[in-house]
Amino acid sequence: MYLHLGENVVINSKRIVAIIDLETSTVSKKTRDFLKNAQKGSIVVNVSDELPKSAVICERNGEKEVYISQISTATLQKRAEKI
C-alpha cells in the first residue's frame, strides 16, 4: 500500500523505517546529527515549502531516504493505520 506524505508525494508503506516528529525529536543531538548528515548526503526530499512537522525515514535497496513533510506524525499515523 501507499502513504500520501503531502503535495504530490506518495511512498510505498513497506519502505517506511520510522516516522518522527521534528518538533520533539530535534531536541536530541543524535537526531539532529542524523538529519544533518542525511541532508549532506543528498538523501533528503522536502515534500513542501511549508513548515516541516515530520520526517519519514525510508529504505530502498539498502539506502536510506528522508522525506520532510508538513503533515503531522499523528495524521500520517492515522493514514498508515487505514492501509
C-alpha atoms as a PDB file:
ATOM      1  CA  MET A   1       0.000   0.000   0.000  1.00  0.00           C
ATOM      2  CA  TYR A   2       0.986   3.623  -0.305  1.00  0.00           C
ATOM      3  CA  LEU A   3       1.132   6.551   2.109  1.00  0.00           C
ATOM      4  CA  HIS A   4       0.500  10.135   0.978  1.00  0.00           C
ATOM      5  CA  LEU A   5       3.091  12.489   2.532  1.00  0.00           C
ATOM      6  CA  GLY A   6       1.732  15.744   1.130  1.00  0.00           C
ATOM      7  CA  GLU A   7       1.799  17.653  -2.132  1.00  0.00           C
ATOM      8  CA  ASN A   8       2.265  15.023  -4.858  1.00  0.00           C
ATOM      9  CA  VAL A   9       4.462  12.626  -2.879  1.00  0.00           C
ATOM     10  CA  VAL A  10       3.310   9.077  -2.232  1.00  0.00           C
ATOM     11  CA  ILE A  11       5.561   6.281  -0.948  1.00  0.00           C
ATOM     12  CA  ASN A  12       5.237   2.554  -0.568  1.00  0.00           C
ATOM     13  CA  SER A  13       4.406   1.939   3.098  1.00  0.00           C
ATOM     14  CA  LYS A  14       6.582  -1.197   3.148  1.00  0.00           C
ATOM     15  CA  ARG A  15       9.663   1.040   2.795  1.00  0.00           C
ATOM     16  CA  ILE A  16       8.961   3.075   5.960  1.00  0.00           C
ATOM     17  CA  VAL A  17      11.501   2.594   8.740  1.00  0.00           C
ATOM     18  CA  ALA A  18      10.326   5.410  11.036  1.00  0.00           C
ATOM     19  CA  ILE A  19       8.120   8.477  11.229  1.00  0.00           C
ATOM     20  CA  ILE A  20       9.479  11.107  13.579  1.00  0.00           C
ATOM     21  CA  ASP A  21       8.070  14.332  14.970  1.00  0.00           C
ATOM     22  CA  LEU A  22      10.508  17.118  14.121  1.00  0.00           C
ATOM     23  CA  GLU A  23       9.281  19.345  16.931  1.00  0.00           C
ATOM     24  CA  THR A  24      10.152  16.923  19.719  1.00  0.00           C
ATOM     25  CA  SER A  25      12.860  14.744  18.211  1.00  0.00           C
ATOM     26  CA  THR A  26      15.248  17.522  17.202  1.00  0.00           C
ATOM     27  CA  VAL A  27      15.922  18.107  20.886  1.00  0.00           C
ATOM     28  CA  SER A  28      18.176  15.055  20.667  1.00  0.00           C
ATOM     29  CA  LYS A  29      21.677  15.701  19.328  1.00  0.00           C
ATOM     30  CA  LYS A  30      21.722  12.265  17.675  1.00  0.00           C
ATOM     31  CA  THR A  31      18.576  13.050  15.696  1.00  0.00           C
ATOM     32  CA  ARG A  32      19.913  16.463  14.660  1.00  0.00           C
ATOM     33  CA  ASP A  33      23.179  14.834  13.567  1.00  0.00           C
ATOM     34  CA  PHE A  34      21.308  12.152  11.600  1.00  0.00           C
ATOM     35  CA  LEU A  35      19.200  14.740   9.749  1.00  0.00           C
ATOM     36  CA  LYS A  36      22.247  16.945   9.130  1.00  0.00           C
ATOM     37  CA  ASN A  37      24.215  14.029   7.653  1.00  0.00           C
ATOM     38  CA  ALA A  38      21.215  12.955   5.578  1.00  0.00           C
ATOM     39  CA  GLN A  39      20.984  16.447   4.134  1.00  0.00           C
ATOM     40  CA  LYS A  40      24.716  16.481   3.342  1.00  0.00           C
ATOM     41  CA  GLY A  41      24.330  13.108   1.656  1.00  0.00           C
ATOM     42  CA  SER A  42      21.505  14.445  -0.525  1.00  0.00           C
ATOM     43  CA  ILE A  43      19.030  11.839   0.658  1.00  0.00           C
ATOM     44  CA  VAL A  44      16.522  14.380   1.988  1.00  0.00           C
ATOM     45  CA  VAL A  45      13.401  15.161  -0.018  1.00  0.00           C
ATOM     46  CA  ASN A  46      11.389  18.205   1.058  1.00  0.00           C
ATOM     47  CA  VAL A  47       7.769  17.423   0.295  1.00  0.00           C
ATOM     48  CA  SER A  48       6.621  21.025   0.718  1.00  0.00           C
ATOM     49  CA  ASP A  49       7.924  24.529   1.335  1.00  0.00           C
ATOM     50  CA  GLU A  50       5.615  24.826   4.350  1.00  0.00           C
ATOM     51  CA  LEU A  51       6.751  24.481   7.960  1.00  0.00           C
ATOM     52  CA  PRO A  52       8.043  20.904   8.396  1.00  0.00           C
ATOM     53  CA  LYS A  53       6.346  18.803  11.058  1.00  0.00           C
ATOM     54  CA  SER A  54       7.583  15.284  10.415  1.00  0.00           C
ATOM     55  CA  ALA A  55      10.334  13.243   8.846  1.00  0.00           C
ATOM     56  CA  VAL A  56       9.641   9.880   7.266  1.00  0.00           C
ATOM     57  CA  ILE A  57      12.694   7.654   7.054  1.00  0.00           C
ATOM     58  CA  CYS A  58      12.522   5.042   4.299  1.00  0.00           C
ATOM     59  CA  GLU A  59      14.782   2.398   2.897  1.00  0.00           C
ATOM     60  CA  ARG A  60      15.182   1.464  -0.746  1.00  0.00           C
ATOM     61  CA  ASN A  61      17.698  -1.159  -1.854  1.00  0.00           C
ATOM     62  CA  GLY A  62      19.600  -0.749   1.416  1.00  0.00           C
ATOM     63  CA  GLU A  63      19.822   3.029   1.038  1.00  0.00           C
ATOM     64  CA  LYS A  64      18.070   5.491   3.362  1.00  0.00           C
ATOM     65  CA  GLU A  65      15.820   8.324   2.177  1.00  0.00           C
ATOM     66  CA  VAL A  66      14.345  11.009   4.409  1.00  0.00           C
ATOM     67  CA  TYR A  67      11.135  12.777   3.422  1.00  0.00           C
ATOM     68  CA  ILE A  68      10.401  16.036   5.256  1.00  0.00           C
ATOM     69  CA  SER A  69       6.640  16.622   5.376  1.00  0.00           C
ATOM     70  CA  GLN A  70       4.336  19.393   6.527  1.00  0.00           C
ATOM     71  CA  ILE A  71       1.878  16.762   7.746  1.00  0.00           C
ATOM     72  CA  SER A  72       1.950  15.891  11.450  1.00  0.00           C
ATOM     73  CA  THR A  73       3.045  12.482  12.669  1.00  0.00           C
ATOM     74  CA  ALA A  74      -0.425  11.898  14.136  1.00  0.00           C
ATOM     75  CA  THR A  75      -2.064  12.412  10.739  1.00  0.00           C
ATOM     76  CA  LEU A  76       0.495  10.212   8.995  1.00  0.00           C
ATOM     77  CA  GLN A  77      -0.073   7.506  11.600  1.00  0.00           C
ATOM     78  CA  LYS A  78      -3.849   7.650  11.049  1.00  0.00           C
ATOM     79  CA  ARG A  79      -3.329   7.364   7.311  1.00  0.00           C
ATOM     80  CA  ALA A  80      -0.975   4.418   7.781  1.00  0.00           C
ATOM     81  CA  GLU A  81      -3.449   2.629  10.058  1.00  0.00           C
ATOM     82  CA  LYS A  82      -6.097   2.812   7.336  1.00  0.00           C
ATOM     83  CA  ILE A  83      -3.813   0.937   4.965  1.00  0.00           C
END
